[in-house]
Amino acid sequence: SIKMDLLHSNGVLIIQHLQRDYRAYQDFLNFMSHVGDPRNIFSIYFPLWFQLNQVVGTKMIWVAVIGDWFNLIFKWILFGHRPYWWVQETMIYPNQSSPCLEQFPITCETGPGSPSGHAMGSSCVWYVMVTAALSYTVRWKDKSAVTLHRLTWSFLWSIFWIIQISVCISRVFIATHFPHQVILGVFAGILVAEAFEHTPAIQTASLRMYIKTNLFLFIFALGFYLVLKLLDIDLLWSVLKAKKWCANPDWINIDTTPFAGLVRNLGALFGLGLGINSEMFITSCKGKNSCKISFRILCIAASLATLQLYNFVKIPTHTEYLFYILSFCKSAAMPLTVVALVPYCVHSLMRTTEKKLN
């Protein structure tokens, strides 16, 4: 439509302005784009928070998974273009003089562009972290503590918005999103996170509930895809455009395809359910050592170190279905490691040490 073309063309002007005038901040903006990567939720934020507060850690995974699932459905419904391919195909510019937008190694996302998954994932998880931190200070009653709570509230929400704005600018700078797409992503992420502030049932969910949720999310997404395909609507249209207009074929990554994100999130949710309902979790995280600060610090350090090793595990991409299966397994192993394997090993080590001392 004409209105959408005008919105896109104005977005292109903003991208050109950023790429021209903010060149000196390129490294910082690329870094902020990585900060907003939803995969950091599972490898950095979750290991930290789960050992500090299991309720917050559990909520973080649910918010991240459901938020990314909604992001996928919205992307399929909205058919949002990305700047780096839109400028090559639009007829809005006279004499075929399309603007030149610079691309970067992280530009060539293959899914539709609206809403931004990075912006939505970042706002989701940071909203959970900020509200969790403030829940401790809101209980303070005396006058000086109330003042401190207000200062903390202002500080944390300022940090929240600085990070979200930085992530949004970074995604626009690398020409992978239009401004309206990142704004939509931020507010959609906040809505999902706020919804889970009033959903306490996830804290007592059984393994059966985790499996049922996984099946529902997968069947709904796959069914939605197949129904539209029968109507001759290809929901993977964006992958072809990405491959056609990406400046460097090596920048195209199967890990950015719509189904790759879906499989990764379903694996993480299944791994969390498996871990929380395991005997190892009950023995270690519900035992007497779980209250010790030393136990939690050791669990955090060991979890972060172990999860970084997962980055060295490269999944073969030559067969798409094999990639999805292995990606599911790898994603499930990460929360399972944080929730059950690492705490159980630390618990066993501490118990052995105590026996030797006695």
Foldseek 3Di string as FASTA:
>chain_A
DVVVVVLLVVLVVVLVCCLVVVVVCLVVLVVLLVVLPLVCLLQPVLLQVCLVPVLLSLLLLVLSQVQLLVQLVCQLVVQAAFQLLCQQPDPPDPPSPGDDADADLQQLQQAHPAAPSSLLSLLQSLLSVLVVVLVVQVPDDDPVSVVVSVVSNVVSVVVSVVSSVSNLSSNSNNRNYGNVNSVRSNVSSNVSNVVSVPVSVSVVDALVNLVVVLVVSVCVVVVVQVVVVVVVDHNSVSNVSSCVRPPDNVSDDPCSGSLNSNLLSSLQSSLLNPLCNDPQLCPQCVDPCSPDPVLSVQLSVVLSVVSVVLVVDDQDPPDPVSSSVVSSNSSSVNNNCSRGVSRSVSRVVVVVVVVVVD
